[in-house]
Amino acid sequence: MKDAYGDRANFLLVYVREAHACDEWEMEDNVKAGVSLAQPRSDGDRRSAAARFVSDSRLSIPVVVDAVDDAASAPYGAWPERLYVLDASGRVIYRGGPGPFEFRPEEVEEVLKGLAATGTASRP
């Protein structure tokens, strides 16, 4: 989507608390993939976990890290994952369901297509 709409929209990933931390609810797939880590308990620990994630995934979009008090993710209900589209004024125009079961990137693409078609997509 960034390749298709990056000239008209900003993309940002907000790294939030670990969904499957080894000291809480670890998934066997995480163990097999070698990404087993404890829930970060400080902002520094969360930044370190995010840096590892960014390095391992080689993302092409900017990543910011939510504080360990979840100040950014709490009001958005972003845990464990959720997709949002905001307009140029910062108003939420799409709020996806909680992931992973309601994580639907194709819905975001439809919103972005609609904005591009109406000429309302813009980069703040």
PDB file of N, CA and C in Angstrom:
ATOM      1  N   MET A   1       0.818  -1.197   0.000  1.00  0.00           N
ATOM      2  CA  MET A   1       0.000   0.000   0.000  1.00  0.00           C
ATOM      3  C   MET A   1       0.858   1.256   0.000  1.00  0.00           C
ATOM      4  N   LYS A   2       1.993   1.179   0.702  1.00  0.00           N
ATOM      5  CA  LYS A   2       2.875   2.349   0.705  1.00  0.00           C
ATOM      6  C   LYS A   2       3.372   2.646  -0.698  1.00  0.00           C
ATOM      7  N   ASP A   3       3.698   1.603  -1.444  1.00  0.00           N
ATOM      8  CA  ASP A   3       4.154   1.819  -2.813  1.00  0.00           C
ATOM      9  C   ASP A   3       3.058   2.446  -3.667  1.00  0.00           C
ATOM     10  N   ALA A   4       1.826   2.000  -3.474  1.00  0.00           N
ATOM     11  CA  ALA A   4       0.711   2.487  -4.295  1.00  0.00           C
ATOM     12  C   ALA A   4       0.213   3.865  -3.874  1.00  0.00           C
ATOM     13  N   TYR A   5       0.249   4.166  -2.570  1.00  0.00           N
ATOM     14  CA  TYR A   5      -0.369   5.403  -2.071  1.00  0.00           C
ATOM     15  C   TYR A   5       0.595   6.311  -1.312  1.00  0.00           C
ATOM     16  N   GLY A   6       1.858   5.951  -1.263  1.00  0.00           N
ATOM     17  CA  GLY A   6       2.830   6.721  -0.499  1.00  0.00           C
ATOM     18  C   GLY A   6       3.058   8.132  -0.978  1.00  0.00           C
ATOM     19  N   ASP A   7       2.689   8.415  -2.230  1.00  0.00           N
ATOM     20  CA  ASP A   7       2.824   9.782  -2.726  1.00  0.00           C
ATOM     21  C   ASP A   7       1.665  10.665  -2.281  1.00  0.00           C
ATOM     22  N   ARG A   8       0.622  10.063  -1.712  1.00  0.00           N
ATOM     23  CA  ARG A   8      -0.563  10.819  -1.280  1.00  0.00           C
ATOM     24  C   ARG A   8      -0.888  10.656   0.194  1.00  0.00           C
ATOM     25  N   ALA A   9      -0.236   9.704   0.868  1.00  0.00           N
ATOM     26  CA  ALA A   9      -0.553   9.437   2.273  1.00  0.00           C
ATOM     27  C   ALA A   9       0.714   9.097   3.038  1.00  0.00           C
ATOM     28  N   ASN A  10       0.728   9.431   4.309  1.00  0.00           N
ATOM     29  CA  ASN A  10       1.822   9.051   5.201  1.00  0.00           C
ATOM     30  C   ASN A  10       1.467   7.726   5.857  1.00  0.00           C
ATOM     31  N   PHE A  11       2.436   6.864   6.001  1.00  0.00           N
ATOM     32  CA  PHE A  11       2.252   5.582   6.657  1.00  0.00           C
ATOM     33  C   PHE A  11       3.121   5.560   7.903  1.00  0.00           C
ATOM     34  N   LEU A  12       2.591   5.024   8.980  1.00  0.00           N
ATOM     35  CA  LEU A  12       3.288   5.008  10.261  1.00  0.00           C
ATOM     36  C   LEU A  12       2.877   3.770  11.031  1.00  0.00           C
ATOM     37  N   LEU A  13       3.839   3.095  11.616  1.00  0.00           N
ATOM     38  CA  LEU A  13       3.569   1.964  12.500  1.00  0.00           C
ATOM     39  C   LEU A  13       3.880   2.413  13.917  1.00  0.00           C
ATOM     40  N   VAL A  14       2.942   2.190  14.832  1.00  0.00           N
ATOM     41  CA  VAL A  14       3.172   2.495  16.239  1.00  0.00           C
ATOM     42  C   VAL A  14       3.414   1.169  16.948  1.00  0.00           C
ATOM     43  N   TYR A  15       4.618   1.002  17.464  1.00  0.00           N
ATOM     44  CA  TYR A  15       4.979  -0.226  18.175  1.00  0.00           C
ATOM     45  C   TYR A  15       4.403  -0.150  19.581  1.00  0.00           C
ATOM     46  N   VAL A  16       3.545  -1.115  19.929  1.00  0.00           N
ATOM     47  CA  VAL A  16       2.887  -1.139  21.235  1.00  0.00           C
ATOM     48  C   VAL A  16       3.345  -2.366  22.019  1.00  0.00           C
ATOM     49  N   ARG A  17       2.674  -2.660  23.093  1.00  0.00           N
ATOM     50  CA  ARG A  17       3.074  -3.779  23.951  1.00  0.00           C
ATOM     51  C   ARG A  17       3.090  -5.105  23.193  1.00  0.00           C
ATOM     52  N   GLU A  18       3.899  -6.029  23.675  1.00  0.00           N
ATOM     53  CA  GLU A  18       4.025  -7.344  23.056  1.00  0.00           C
ATOM     54  C   GLU A  18       2.739  -8.146  23.247  1.00  0.00           C
ATOM     55  N   ALA A  19       2.224  -8.687  22.166  1.00  0.00           N
ATOM     56  CA  ALA A  19       0.999  -9.488  22.235  1.00  0.00           C
ATOM     57  C   ALA A  19       1.275 -10.883  22.783  1.00  0.00           C
ATOM     58  N   HIS A  20       2.453 -11.417  22.515  1.00  0.00           N
ATOM     59  CA  HIS A  20       2.758 -12.801  22.905  1.00  0.00           C
ATOM     60  C   HIS A  20       4.099 -12.896  23.627  1.00  0.00           C
ATOM     61  N   ALA A  21       4.243 -12.079  24.649  1.00  0.00           N
ATOM     62  CA  ALA A  21       5.486 -12.083  25.434  1.00  0.00           C
ATOM     63  C   ALA A  21       5.671 -13.426  26.133  1.00  0.00           C
ATOM     64  N   CYS A  22       6.939 -13.850  26.264  1.00  0.00           N
ATOM     65  CA  CYS A  22       7.225 -15.158  26.857  1.00  0.00           C
ATOM     66  C   CYS A  22       6.843 -15.234  28.331  1.00  0.00           C
ATOM     67  N   ASP A  23       6.719 -14.102  29.001  1.00  0.00           N
ATOM     68  CA  ASP A  23       6.328 -14.111  30.411  1.00  0.00           C
ATOM     69  C   ASP A  23       4.828 -13.872  30.590  1.00  0.00           C
ATOM     70  N   GLU A  24       4.083 -13.902  29.494  1.00  0.00           N
ATOM     71  CA  GLU A  24       2.629 -13.726  29.577  1.00  0.00           C
ATOM     72  C   GLU A  24       1.917 -14.819  28.785  1.00  0.00           C
ATOM     73  N   TRP A  25       1.816 -14.652  27.476  1.00  0.00           N
ATOM     74  CA  TRP A  25       1.079 -15.602  26.653  1.00  0.00           C
ATOM     75  C   TRP A  25       1.859 -15.878  25.386  1.00  0.00           C
ATOM     76  N   GLU A  26       2.894 -16.694  25.516  1.00  0.00           N
ATOM     77  CA  GLU A  26       3.797 -16.945  24.403  1.00  0.00           C
ATOM     78  C   GLU A  26       3.186 -17.922  23.399  1.00  0.00           C
ATOM     79  N   MET A  27       3.453 -17.664  22.138  1.00  0.00           N
ATOM     80  CA  MET A  27       3.017 -18.545  21.056  1.00  0.00           C
ATOM     81  C   MET A  27       4.184 -19.430  20.638  1.00  0.00           C
ATOM     82  N   GLU A  28       3.898 -20.688  20.367  1.00  0.00           N
ATOM     83  CA  GLU A  28       4.931 -21.623  19.926  1.00  0.00           C
ATOM     84  C   GLU A  28       5.620 -21.141  18.649  1.00  0.00           C
ATOM     85  N   ASP A  29       4.855 -20.483  17.765  1.00  0.00           N
ATOM     86  CA  ASP A  29       5.448 -19.953  16.532  1.00  0.00           C
ATOM     87  C   ASP A  29       6.548 -18.939  16.833  1.00  0.00           C
ATOM     88  N   ASN A  30       6.370 -18.141  17.894  1.00  0.00           N
ATOM     89  CA  ASN A  30       7.399 -17.172  18.275  1.00  0.00           C
ATOM     90  C   ASN A  30       8.677 -17.882  18.714  1.00  0.00           C
ATOM     91  N   VAL A  31       8.509 -18.963  19.495  1.00  0.00           N
ATOM     92  CA  VAL A  31       9.665 -19.723  19.964  1.00  0.00           C
ATOM     93  C   VAL A  31      10.416 -20.298  18.762  1.00  0.00           C
ATOM     94  N   LYS A  32       9.673 -20.905  17.831  1.00  0.00           N
ATOM     95  CA  LYS A  32      10.289 -21.500  16.640  1.00  0.00           C
ATOM     96  C   LYS A  32      11.003 -20.455  15.795  1.00  0.00           C
ATOM     97  N   ALA A  33      10.445 -19.261  15.727  1.00  0.00           N
ATOM     98  CA  ALA A  33      11.038 -18.188  14.926  1.00  0.00           C
ATOM     99  C   ALA A  33      12.164 -17.463  15.658  1.00  0.00           C
ATOM    100  N   GLY A  34      12.382 -17.784  16.930  1.00  0.00           N
ATOM    101  CA  GLY A  34      13.435 -17.142  17.700  1.00  0.00           C
ATOM    102  C   GLY A  34      13.130 -15.721  18.104  1.00  0.00           C
ATOM    103  N   VAL A  35      11.848 -15.405  18.268  1.00  0.00           N
ATOM    104  CA  VAL A  35      11.462 -14.050  18.653  1.00  0.00           C
ATOM    105  C   VAL A  35      10.778 -14.044  20.023  1.00  0.00           C
ATOM    106  N   SER A  36      11.242 -14.887  20.887  1.00  0.00           N
ATOM    107  CA  SER A  36      10.694 -14.978  22.226  1.00  0.00           C
ATOM    108  C   SER A  36      11.299 -13.886  23.098  1.00  0.00           C
ATOM    109  N   LEU A  37      10.436 -12.991  23.616  1.00  0.00           N
ATOM    110  CA  LEU A  37      10.946 -11.957  24.510  1.00  0.00           C
ATOM    111  C   LEU A  37       9.909 -11.614  25.573  1.00  0.00           C
ATOM    112  N   ALA A  38      10.417 -11.155  26.704  1.00  0.00           N
ATOM    113  CA  ALA A  38       9.565 -10.780  27.833  1.00  0.00           C
ATOM    114  C   ALA A  38       8.893  -9.446  27.547  1.00  0.00           C
ATOM    115  N   GLN A  39       7.777  -9.219  28.228  1.00  0.00           N
ATOM    116  CA  GLN A  39       7.056  -7.951  28.095  1.00  0.00           C
ATOM    117  C   GLN A  39       7.963  -6.820  28.587  1.00  0.00           C
ATOM    118  N   PRO A  40       8.240  -5.836  27.764  1.00  0.00           N
ATOM    119  CA  PRO A  40       9.059  -4.714  28.216  1.00  0.00           C
ATOM    120  C   PRO A  40       8.414  -4.013  29.422  1.00  0.00           C
ATOM    121  N   ARG A  41       9.220  -3.685  30.409  1.00  0.00           N
ATOM    122  CA  ARG A  41       8.724  -3.047  31.632  1.00  0.00           C
ATOM    123  C   ARG A  41       9.154  -1.588  31.758  1.00  0.00           C
ATOM    124  N   SER A  42       9.943  -1.116  30.795  1.00  0.00           N
ATOM    125  CA  SER A  42      10.374   0.287  30.802  1.00  0.00           C
ATOM    126  C   SER A  42      10.332   0.809  29.370  1.00  0.00           C
ATOM    127  N   ASP A  43      10.351   2.111  29.229  1.00  0.00           N
ATOM    128  CA  ASP A  43      10.365   2.701  27.896  1.00  0.00           C
ATOM    129  C   ASP A  43      11.609   2.248  27.125  1.00  0.00           C
ATOM    130  N   GLY A  44      12.740   2.182  27.811  1.00  0.00           N
ATOM    131  CA  GLY A  44      13.970   1.735  27.162  1.00  0.00           C
ATOM    132  C   GLY A  44      13.869   0.301  26.671  1.00  0.00           C
ATOM    133  N   ASP A  45      13.285  -0.571  27.498  1.00  0.00           N
ATOM    134  CA  ASP A  45      13.092  -1.963  27.081  1.00  0.00           C
ATOM    135  C   ASP A  45      12.176  -2.046  25.862  1.00  0.00           C
ATOM    136  N   ARG A  46      11.127  -1.221  25.848  1.00  0.00           N
ATOM    137  CA  ARG A  46      10.205  -1.255  24.711  1.00  0.00           C
ATOM    138  C   ARG A  46      10.903  -0.723  23.454  1.00  0.00           C
ATOM    139  N   ARG A  47      11.698   0.320  23.608  1.00  0.00           N
ATOM    140  CA  ARG A  47      12.448   0.837  22.448  1.00  0.00           C
ATOM    141  C   ARG A  47      13.402  -0.229  21.908  1.00  0.00           C
ATOM    142  N   SER A  48      14.042  -0.983  22.805  1.00  0.00           N
ATOM    143  CA  SER A  48      14.951  -2.053  22.375  1.00  0.00           C
ATOM    144  C   SER A  48      14.199  -3.152  21.633  1.00  0.00           C
ATOM    145  N   ALA A  49      13.039  -3.539  22.158  1.00  0.00           N
ATOM    146  CA  ALA A  49      12.221  -4.557  21.491  1.00  0.00           C
ATOM    147  C   ALA A  49      11.773  -4.063  20.122  1.00  0.00           C
ATOM    148  N   ALA A  50      11.390  -2.807  20.051  1.00  0.00           N
ATOM    149  CA  ALA A  50      10.961  -2.232  18.770  1.00  0.00           C
ATOM    150  C   ALA A  50      12.122  -2.201  17.785  1.00  0.00           C
ATOM    151  N   ALA A  51      13.298  -1.852  18.243  1.00  0.00           N
ATOM    152  CA  ALA A  51      14.473  -1.809  17.362  1.00  0.00           C
ATOM    153  C   ALA A  51      14.764  -3.195  16.798  1.00  0.00           C
ATOM    154  N   ARG A  52      14.618  -4.217  17.634  1.00  0.00           N
ATOM    155  CA  ARG A  52      14.821  -5.593  17.161  1.00  0.00           C
ATOM    156  C   ARG A  52      13.776  -5.943  16.104  1.00  0.00           C
ATOM    157  N   PHE A  53      12.533  -5.587  16.367  1.00  0.00           N
ATOM    158  CA  PHE A  53      11.452  -5.844  15.411  1.00  0.00           C
ATOM    159  C   PHE A  53      11.732  -5.157  14.079  1.00  0.00           C
ATOM    160  N   VAL A  54      12.111  -3.891  14.128  1.00  0.00           N
ATOM    161  CA  VAL A  54      12.384  -3.133  12.908  1.00  0.00           C
ATOM    162  C   VAL A  54      13.537  -3.775  12.147  1.00  0.00           C
ATOM    163  N   SER A  55      14.585  -4.151  12.841  1.00  0.00           N
ATOM    164  CA  SER A  55      15.744  -4.768  12.204  1.00  0.00           C
ATOM    165  C   SER A  55      15.373  -6.100  11.561  1.00  0.00           C
ATOM    166  N   ASP A  56      14.615  -6.916  12.284  1.00  0.00           N
ATOM    167  CA  ASP A  56      14.233  -8.239  11.775  1.00  0.00           C
ATOM    168  C   ASP A  56      13.265  -8.161  10.602  1.00  0.00           C
ATOM    169  N   SER A  57      12.385  -7.163  10.612  1.00  0.00           N
ATOM    170  CA  SER A  57      11.342  -7.095   9.583  1.00  0.00           C
ATOM    171  C   SER A  57      11.710  -6.219   8.396  1.00  0.00           C
ATOM    172  N   ARG A  58      12.750  -5.395   8.518  1.00  0.00           N
ATOM    173  CA  ARG A  58      13.195  -4.509   7.433  1.00  0.00           C
ATOM    174  C   ARG A  58      12.035  -3.696   6.851  1.00  0.00           C
ATOM    175  N   LEU A  59      11.319  -3.026   7.713  1.00  0.00           N
ATOM    176  CA  LEU A  59      10.183  -2.212   7.291  1.00  0.00           C
ATOM    177  C   LEU A  59      10.634  -1.027   6.446  1.00  0.00           C
ATOM    178  N   SER A  60       9.726  -0.592   5.578  1.00  0.00           N
ATOM    179  CA  SER A  60      10.022   0.579   4.770  1.00  0.00           C
ATOM    180  C   SER A  60       9.174   1.776   5.176  1.00  0.00           C
ATOM    181  N   ILE A  61       8.481   1.663   6.309  1.00  0.00           N
ATOM    182  CA  ILE A  61       7.700   2.783   6.814  1.00  0.00           C
ATOM    183  C   ILE A  61       8.250   3.195   8.175  1.00  0.00           C
ATOM    184  N   PRO A  62       8.041   4.446   8.557  1.00  0.00           N
ATOM    185  CA  PRO A  62       8.528   4.896   9.863  1.00  0.00           C
ATOM    186  C   PRO A  62       7.840   4.143  10.998  1.00  0.00           C
ATOM    187  N   VAL A  63       8.599   3.933  12.065  1.00  0.00           N
ATOM    188  CA  VAL A  63       8.088   3.260  13.261  1.00  0.00           C
ATOM    189  C   VAL A  63       8.335   4.173  14.449  1.00  0.00           C
ATOM    190  N   VAL A  64       7.299   4.376  15.240  1.00  0.00           N
ATOM    191  CA  VAL A  64       7.434   5.088  16.510  1.00  0.00           C
ATOM    192  C   VAL A  64       7.066   4.120  17.619  1.00  0.00           C
ATOM    193  N   VAL A  65       7.517   4.395  18.822  1.00  0.00           N
ATOM    194  CA  VAL A  65       7.313   3.479  19.937  1.00  0.00           C
ATOM    195  C   VAL A  65       6.425   4.128  20.978  1.00  0.00           C
ATOM    196  N   ASP A  66       5.333   3.429  21.318  1.00  0.00           N
ATOM    197  CA  ASP A  66       4.450   3.894  22.382  1.00  0.00           C
ATOM    198  C   ASP A  66       5.174   3.730  23.717  1.00  0.00           C
ATOM    199  N   ALA A  67       4.935   4.644  24.635  1.00  0.00           N
ATOM    200  CA  ALA A  67       5.531   4.537  25.970  1.00  0.00           C
ATOM    201  C   ALA A  67       4.970   3.309  26.683  1.00  0.00           C
ATOM    202  N   VAL A  68       5.694   2.839  27.671  1.00  0.00           N
ATOM    203  CA  VAL A  68       5.300   1.628  28.385  1.00  0.00           C
ATOM    204  C   VAL A  68       3.969   1.813  29.135  1.00  0.00           C
ATOM    205  N   ASP A  69       3.547   3.058  29.338  1.00  0.00           N
ATOM    206  CA  ASP A  69       2.238   3.294  29.956  1.00  0.00           C
ATOM    207  C   ASP A  69       1.098   3.221  28.939  1.00  0.00           C
ATOM    208  N   ASP A  70       1.422   2.902  27.678  1.00  0.00           N
ATOM    209  CA  ASP A  70       0.451   2.721  26.592  1.00  0.00           C
ATOM    210  C   ASP A  70      -0.387   3.967  26.326  1.00  0.00           C
ATOM    211  N   ALA A  71       0.209   5.119  26.485  1.00  0.00           N
ATOM    212  CA  ALA A  71      -0.508   6.382  26.304  1.00  0.00           C
ATOM    213  C   ALA A  71      -1.072   6.554  24.901  1.00  0.00           C
ATOM    214  N   ALA A  72      -0.399   6.030  23.896  1.00  0.00           N
ATOM    215  CA  ALA A  72      -0.904   6.156  22.522  1.00  0.00           C
ATOM    216  C   ALA A  72      -1.873   5.041  22.168  1.00  0.00           C
ATOM    217  N   SER A  73      -1.562   3.813  22.549  1.00  0.00           N
ATOM    218  CA  SER A  73      -2.417   2.694  22.131  1.00  0.00           C
ATOM    219  C   SER A  73      -3.716   2.597  22.917  1.00  0.00           C
ATOM    220  N   ALA A  74      -3.721   2.996  24.175  1.00  0.00           N
ATOM    221  CA  ALA A  74      -4.930   2.855  25.001  1.00  0.00           C
ATOM    222  C   ALA A  74      -6.142   3.586  24.431  1.00  0.00           C
ATOM    223  N   PRO A  75      -6.035   4.863  24.066  1.00  0.00           N
ATOM    224  CA  PRO A  75      -7.221   5.547  23.554  1.00  0.00           C
ATOM    225  C   PRO A  75      -7.693   5.015  22.201  1.00  0.00           C
ATOM    226  N   TYR A  76      -6.785   4.400  21.450  1.00  0.00           N
ATOM    227  CA  TYR A  76      -7.145   3.875  20.139  1.00  0.00           C
ATOM    228  C   TYR A  76      -7.538   2.395  20.184  1.00  0.00           C
ATOM    229  N   GLY A  77      -7.382   1.742  21.313  1.00  0.00           N
ATOM    230  CA  GLY A  77      -7.671   0.315  21.377  1.00  0.00           C
ATOM    231  C   GLY A  77      -6.778  -0.443  20.410  1.00  0.00           C
ATOM    232  N   ALA A  78      -5.527  -0.057  20.335  1.00  0.00           N
ATOM    233  CA  ALA A  78      -4.622  -0.562  19.303  1.00  0.00           C
ATOM    234  C   ALA A  78      -4.008  -1.916  19.607  1.00  0.00           C
ATOM    235  N   TRP A  79      -4.170  -2.420  20.792  1.00  0.00           N
ATOM    236  CA  TRP A  79      -3.531  -3.697  21.128  1.00  0.00           C
ATOM    237  C   TRP A  79      -4.478  -4.839  20.832  1.00  0.00           C
ATOM    238  N   PRO A  80      -4.081  -5.963  20.227  1.00  0.00           N
ATOM    239  CA  PRO A  80      -2.717  -6.253  19.816  1.00  0.00           C
ATOM    240  C   PRO A  80      -2.328  -5.610  18.496  1.00  0.00           C
ATOM    241  N   GLU A  81      -3.296  -5.357  17.634  1.00  0.00           N
ATOM    242  CA  GLU A  81      -2.999  -4.642  16.387  1.00  0.00           C
ATOM    243  C   GLU A  81      -4.296  -4.080  15.836  1.00  0.00           C
ATOM    244  N   ARG A  82      -4.191  -2.947  15.206  1.00  0.00           N
ATOM    245  CA  ARG A  82      -5.368  -2.309  14.627  1.00  0.00           C
ATOM    246  C   ARG A  82      -4.907  -1.328  13.566  1.00  0.00           C
ATOM    247  N   LEU A  83      -5.705  -1.198  12.527  1.00  0.00           N
ATOM    248  CA  LEU A  83      -5.399  -0.285  11.429  1.00  0.00           C
ATOM    249  C   LEU A  83      -6.294   0.937  11.508  1.00  0.00           C
ATOM    250  N   TYR A  84      -5.707   2.095  11.252  1.00  0.00           N
ATOM    251  CA  TYR A  84      -6.437   3.364  11.235  1.00  0.00           C
ATOM    252  C   TYR A  84      -6.054   4.148   9.987  1.00  0.00           C
ATOM    253  N   VAL A  85      -6.990   4.946   9.507  1.00  0.00           N
ATOM    254  CA  VAL A  85      -6.699   5.947   8.490  1.00  0.00           C
ATOM    255  C   VAL A  85      -7.200   7.265   9.050  1.00  0.00           C
ATOM    256  N   LEU A  86      -6.324   8.261   9.042  1.00  0.00           N
ATOM    257  CA  LEU A  86      -6.681   9.612   9.477  1.00  0.00           C
ATOM    258  C   LEU A  86      -6.625  10.530   8.267  1.00  0.00           C
ATOM    259  N   ASP A  87      -7.512  11.511   8.245  1.00  0.00           N
ATOM    260  CA  ASP A  87      -7.444  12.483   7.149  1.00  0.00           C
ATOM    261  C   ASP A  87      -6.382  13.524   7.458  1.00  0.00           C
ATOM    262  N   ALA A  88      -6.203  14.462   6.568  1.00  0.00           N
ATOM    263  CA  ALA A  88      -5.147  15.465   6.712  1.00  0.00           C
ATOM    264  C   ALA A  88      -5.293  16.316   7.963  1.00  0.00           C
ATOM    265  N   SER A  89      -6.522  16.402   8.503  1.00  0.00           N
ATOM    266  CA  SER A  89      -6.729  17.185   9.725  1.00  0.00           C
ATOM    267  C   SER A  89      -6.560  16.347  10.990  1.00  0.00           C
ATOM    268  N   GLY A  90      -6.274  15.045  10.843  1.00  0.00           N
ATOM    269  CA  GLY A  90      -6.082  14.173  12.002  1.00  0.00           C
ATOM    270  C   GLY A  90      -7.341  13.468  12.463  1.00  0.00           C
ATOM    271  N   ARG A  91      -8.437  13.624  11.726  1.00  0.00           N
ATOM    272  CA  ARG A  91      -9.702  12.971  12.073  1.00  0.00           C
ATOM    273  C   ARG A  91      -9.660  11.521  11.607  1.00  0.00           C
ATOM    274  N   VAL A  92     -10.080  10.596  12.485  1.00  0.00           N
ATOM    275  CA  VAL A  92     -10.121   9.182  12.135  1.00  0.00           C
ATOM    276  C   VAL A  92     -11.254   8.965  11.128  1.00  0.00           C
ATOM    277  N   ILE A  93     -10.901   8.435   9.957  1.00  0.00           N
ATOM    278  CA  ILE A  93     -11.922   8.158   8.950  1.00  0.00           C
ATOM    279  C   ILE A  93     -12.080   6.656   8.706  1.00  0.00           C
ATOM    280  N   TYR A  94     -11.195   5.859   9.274  1.00  0.00           N
ATOM    281  CA  TYR A  94     -11.331   4.401   9.233  1.00  0.00           C
ATOM    282  C   TYR A  94     -10.723   3.840  10.496  1.00  0.00           C
ATOM    283  N   ARG A  95     -11.465   2.963  11.155  1.00  0.00           N
ATOM    284  CA  ARG A  95     -10.968   2.265  12.340  1.00  0.00           C
ATOM    285  C   ARG A  95     -11.239   0.789  12.126  1.00  0.00           C
ATOM    286  N   GLY A  96     -10.169   0.036  11.907  1.00  0.00           N
ATOM    287  CA  GLY A  96     -10.304  -1.397  11.697  1.00  0.00           C
ATOM    288  C   GLY A  96     -10.602  -2.113  12.999  1.00  0.00           C
ATOM    289  N   GLY A  97     -11.036  -3.342  12.866  1.00  0.00           N
ATOM    290  CA  GLY A  97     -11.290  -4.172  14.038  1.00  0.00           C
ATOM    291  C   GLY A  97      -9.989  -4.662  14.637  1.00  0.00           C
ATOM    292  N   PRO A  98     -10.053  -5.187  15.854  1.00  0.00           N
ATOM    293  CA  PRO A  98      -8.831  -5.673  16.502  1.00  0.00           C
ATOM    294  C   PRO A  98      -8.278  -6.907  15.795  1.00  0.00           C
ATOM    295  N   GLY A  99      -6.974  -6.933  15.660  1.00  0.00           N
ATOM    296  CA  GLY A  99      -6.320  -8.080  15.035  1.00  0.00           C
ATOM    297  C   GLY A  99      -6.079  -9.174  16.047  1.00  0.00           C
ATOM    298  N   PRO A 100      -5.769 -10.326  15.604  1.00  0.00           N
ATOM    299  CA  PRO A 100      -5.512 -10.639  14.207  1.00  0.00           C
ATOM    300  C   PRO A 100      -6.770 -11.017  13.413  1.00  0.00           C
ATOM    301  N   PHE A 101      -7.853 -11.330  14.079  1.00  0.00           N
ATOM    302  CA  PHE A 101      -9.018 -11.863  13.376  1.00  0.00           C
ATOM    303  C   PHE A 101      -9.796 -10.819  12.582  1.00  0.00           C
ATOM    304  N   GLU A 102      -9.701  -9.565  12.970  1.00  0.00           N
ATOM    305  CA  GLU A 102     -10.394  -8.498  12.247  1.00  0.00           C
ATOM    306  C   GLU A 102      -9.410  -7.534  11.583  1.00  0.00           C
ATOM    307  N   PHE A 103      -8.202  -7.987  11.387  1.00  0.00           N
ATOM    308  CA  PHE A 103      -7.139  -7.212  10.739  1.00  0.00           C
ATOM    309  C   PHE A 103      -7.336  -7.346   9.237  1.00  0.00           C
ATOM    310  N   ARG A 104      -7.806  -6.275   8.601  1.00  0.00           N
ATOM    311  CA  ARG A 104      -8.178  -6.340   7.186  1.00  0.00           C
ATOM    312  C   ARG A 104      -7.539  -5.198   6.387  1.00  0.00           C
ATOM    313  N   PRO A 105      -6.291  -5.376   5.982  1.00  0.00           N
ATOM    314  CA  PRO A 105      -5.621  -4.334   5.199  1.00  0.00           C
ATOM    315  C   PRO A 105      -6.363  -3.982   3.903  1.00  0.00           C
ATOM    316  N   GLU A 106      -7.085  -4.930   3.346  1.00  0.00           N
ATOM    317  CA  GLU A 106      -7.819  -4.638   2.103  1.00  0.00           C
ATOM    318  C   GLU A 106      -8.869  -3.552   2.312  1.00  0.00           C
ATOM    319  N   GLU A 107      -9.416  -3.436   3.525  1.00  0.00           N
ATOM    320  CA  GLU A 107     -10.359  -2.353   3.815  1.00  0.00           C
ATOM    321  C   GLU A 107      -9.646  -0.999   3.807  1.00  0.00           C
ATOM    322  N   VAL A 108      -8.444  -0.961   4.329  1.00  0.00           N
ATOM    323  CA  VAL A 108      -7.653   0.272   4.317  1.00  0.00           C
ATOM    324  C   VAL A 108      -7.372   0.676   2.881  1.00  0.00           C
ATOM    325  N   GLU A 109      -7.031  -0.284   2.064  1.00  0.00           N
ATOM    326  CA  GLU A 109      -6.751   0.032   0.661  1.00  0.00           C
ATOM    327  C   GLU A 109      -7.984   0.611  -0.027  1.00  0.00           C
ATOM    328  N   GLU A 110      -9.154   0.102   0.280  1.00  0.00           N
ATOM    329  CA  GLU A 110     -10.385   0.647  -0.311  1.00  0.00           C
ATOM    330  C   GLU A 110     -10.607   2.096   0.131  1.00  0.00           C
ATOM    331  N   VAL A 111     -10.339   2.388   1.397  1.00  0.00           N
ATOM    332  CA  VAL A 111     -10.468   3.761   1.892  1.00  0.00           C
ATOM    333  C   VAL A 111      -9.481   4.669   1.156  1.00  0.00           C
ATOM    334  N   LEU A 112      -8.248   4.213   1.014  1.00  0.00           N
ATOM    335  CA  LEU A 112      -7.230   5.013   0.324  1.00  0.00           C
ATOM    336  C   LEU A 112      -7.586   5.209  -1.154  1.00  0.00           C
ATOM    337  N   LYS A 113      -8.112   4.186  -1.790  1.00  0.00           N
ATOM    338  CA  LYS A 113      -8.561   4.321  -3.182  1.00  0.00           C
ATOM    339  C   LYS A 113      -9.656   5.377  -3.271  1.00  0.00           C
ATOM    340  N   GLY A 114     -10.609   5.327  -2.333  1.00  0.00           N
ATOM    341  CA  GLY A 114     -11.697   6.301  -2.330  1.00  0.00           C
ATOM    342  C   GLY A 114     -11.198   7.718  -2.139  1.00  0.00           C
ATOM    343  N   LEU A 115     -10.250   7.894  -1.250  1.00  0.00           N
ATOM    344  CA  LEU A 115      -9.689   9.227  -1.031  1.00  0.00           C
ATOM    345  C   LEU A 115      -8.938   9.708  -2.266  1.00  0.00           C
ATOM    346  N   ALA A 116      -8.211   8.811  -2.898  1.00  0.00           N
ATOM    347  CA  ALA A 116      -7.467   9.190  -4.094  1.00  0.00           C
ATOM    348  C   ALA A 116      -8.430   9.565  -5.223  1.00  0.00           C
ATOM    349  N   ALA A 117      -9.534   8.823  -5.327  1.00  0.00           N
ATOM    350  CA  ALA A 117     -10.503   9.084  -6.393  1.00  0.00           C
ATOM    351  C   ALA A 117     -11.200  10.430  -6.215  1.00  0.00           C
ATOM    352  N   THR A 118     -11.430  10.810  -4.963  1.00  0.00           N
ATOM    353  CA  THR A 118     -12.111  12.092  -4.718  1.00  0.00           C
ATOM    354  C   THR A 118     -11.145  13.253  -4.619  1.00  0.00           C
ATOM    355  N   GLY A 119      -9.861  12.927  -4.626  1.00  0.00           N
ATOM    356  CA  GLY A 119      -8.863  13.992  -4.536  1.00  0.00           C
ATOM    357  C   GLY A 119      -8.704  14.557  -3.136  1.00  0.00           C
ATOM    358  N   THR A 120      -9.248  13.829  -2.122  1.00  0.00           N
ATOM    359  CA  THR A 120      -9.147  14.339  -0.751  1.00  0.00           C
ATOM    360  C   THR A 120      -7.957  13.768  -0.007  1.00  0.00           C
ATOM    361  N   ALA A 121      -7.277  12.811  -0.601  1.00  0.00           N
ATOM    362  CA  ALA A 121      -6.087  12.275   0.060  1.00  0.00           C
ATOM    363  C   ALA A 121      -4.987  13.320  -0.016  1.00  0.00           C
ATOM    364  N   SER A 122      -4.407  13.599   1.119  1.00  0.00           N
ATOM    365  CA  SER A 122      -3.294  14.550   1.109  1.00  0.00           C
ATOM    366  C   SER A 122      -2.340  14.209   2.217  1.00  0.00           C
ATOM    367  N   ARG A 123      -1.150  14.651   2.080  1.00  0.00           N
ATOM    368  CA  ARG A 123      -0.126  14.404   3.091  1.00  0.00           C
ATOM    369  C   ARG A 123      -0.105  15.589   4.044  1.00  0.00           C
ATOM    370  N   PRO A 124      -0.389  15.321   5.312  1.00  0.00           N
ATOM    371  CA  PRO A 124      -0.340  16.426   6.279  1.00  0.00           C
ATOM    372  C   PRO A 124       1.078  16.933   6.469  1.00  0.00           C
TER     373      PRO A 124
END
